Amino acid sequence: MSPSAAQISLKDLIEYLARALVDHPDEVVVTEISGEQTIVLELKVAKDDLGKVIGKQGRTVKAMRALLSAASAKLRKRADLEILE
């Protein structure tokens, strides 16, 4: 990817993925808490959509965390995704 290519933030990445999964995309809220070496992203969705974001046996959220981990490695930071109820 060239340096001039558009960069997407980790927050935008998670927000995009979550909005694509849920029935109420307008209720998706992602909060970013940045530290020196870590970034914590808190994801809040409508109560009805919680199962869609987590997925069967947590597979969907596990995949989202894997994408987040790969994207954050490029920034040389550790990122964690927390789902709030």
Protein backbone atom coordinates (compact mmCIF):
# COMPACT_ATOMS: atom_id res chain seq x y z
CA MET A 1 0.00 0.00 0.00
CA SER A 2 1.43 3.37 -0.97
CA PRO A 3 1.92 6.10 1.65
CA SER A 4 -0.62 8.28 -0.17
CA ALA A 5 -3.35 5.64 0.13
CA ALA A 6 -6.20 6.47 2.48
CA GLN A 7 -5.61 5.32 6.04
CA ILE A 8 -8.50 3.97 8.07
CA SER A 9 -8.39 4.21 11.85
CA LEU A 10 -8.89 1.16 14.05
CA LYS A 11 -12.04 2.79 15.44
CA ASP A 12 -13.45 3.24 11.93
CA LEU A 13 -12.59 -0.37 11.05
CA ILE A 14 -14.52 -1.80 14.01
CA GLU A 15 -17.41 0.61 13.48
CA TYR A 16 -17.65 -0.40 9.81
CA LEU A 17 -17.63 -4.11 10.62
CA ALA A 18 -20.18 -3.77 13.42
CA ARG A 19 -22.57 -1.64 11.33
CA ALA A 20 -22.46 -4.26 8.56
CA LEU A 21 -23.44 -7.01 11.00
CA VAL A 22 -26.29 -5.47 13.00
CA ASP A 23 -29.96 -4.65 12.34
CA HIS A 24 -29.69 -1.22 14.03
CA PRO A 25 -26.49 0.35 12.60
CA ASP A 26 -27.42 3.78 13.96
CA GLU A 27 -27.01 2.44 17.51
CA VAL A 28 -23.40 1.30 17.02
CA VAL A 29 -21.01 3.33 19.18
CA VAL A 30 -17.26 2.77 19.28
CA THR A 31 -15.16 4.53 21.91
CA GLU A 32 -11.38 4.59 21.63
CA ILE A 33 -9.17 4.76 24.72
CA SER A 34 -5.54 5.27 23.73
CA GLY A 35 -2.60 4.51 25.95
CA GLU A 36 1.11 4.65 25.29
CA GLN A 37 1.36 1.11 23.95
CA THR A 38 -2.25 -0.07 23.85
CA ILE A 39 -5.55 0.99 22.36
CA VAL A 40 -8.81 -0.22 23.86
CA LEU A 41 -11.89 -0.05 21.67
CA GLU A 42 -15.26 -0.31 23.39
CA LEU A 43 -18.13 -1.42 21.18
CA LYS A 44 -21.71 -0.78 22.18
CA VAL A 45 -24.62 -2.07 20.09
CA ALA A 46 -28.38 -2.42 20.54
CA LYS A 47 -29.35 -5.20 22.95
CA ASP A 48 -31.03 -7.14 20.10
CA ASP A 49 -27.80 -7.06 18.07
CA LEU A 50 -25.45 -8.32 20.77
CA GLY A 51 -25.69 -11.92 19.56
CA LYS A 52 -24.95 -10.92 15.96
CA VAL A 53 -21.75 -9.14 16.97
CA ILE A 54 -20.57 -11.98 19.21
CA GLY A 55 -21.58 -14.78 16.83
CA LYS A 56 -21.88 -18.50 17.45
CA GLN A 57 -19.39 -19.54 20.13
CA GLY A 58 -17.82 -16.07 19.85
CA ARG A 59 -16.51 -16.65 16.34
CA THR A 60 -17.55 -13.28 14.93
CA VAL A 61 -16.00 -11.22 17.73
CA LYS A 62 -12.92 -13.44 17.57
CA ALA A 63 -12.56 -12.65 13.85
CA MET A 64 -13.03 -8.92 14.54
CA ARG A 65 -10.31 -9.11 17.21
CA ALA A 66 -7.98 -10.91 14.77
CA LEU A 67 -8.47 -8.15 12.16
CA LEU A 68 -7.93 -5.51 14.84
CA SER A 69 -4.76 -7.23 16.00
CA ALA A 70 -3.38 -7.39 12.46
CA ALA A 71 -4.21 -3.73 11.79
CA SER A 72 -2.74 -2.56 15.10
CA ALA A 73 0.50 -4.46 14.49
CA LYS A 74 1.18 -2.06 11.65
CA LEU A 75 0.91 0.81 14.15
CA ARG A 76 3.23 -1.07 16.53
CA LYS A 77 0.56 -0.96 19.24
CA ARG A 78 -1.57 -3.59 20.94
CA ALA A 79 -5.31 -3.24 20.47
CA ASP A 80 -8.12 -4.83 22.45
CA LEU A 81 -11.84 -4.95 21.64
CA GLU A 82 -14.37 -4.94 24.47
CA ILE A 83 -18.08 -5.41 23.92
CA LEU A 84 -20.23 -3.42 26.31
CA GLU A 85 -23.77 -4.43 27.20
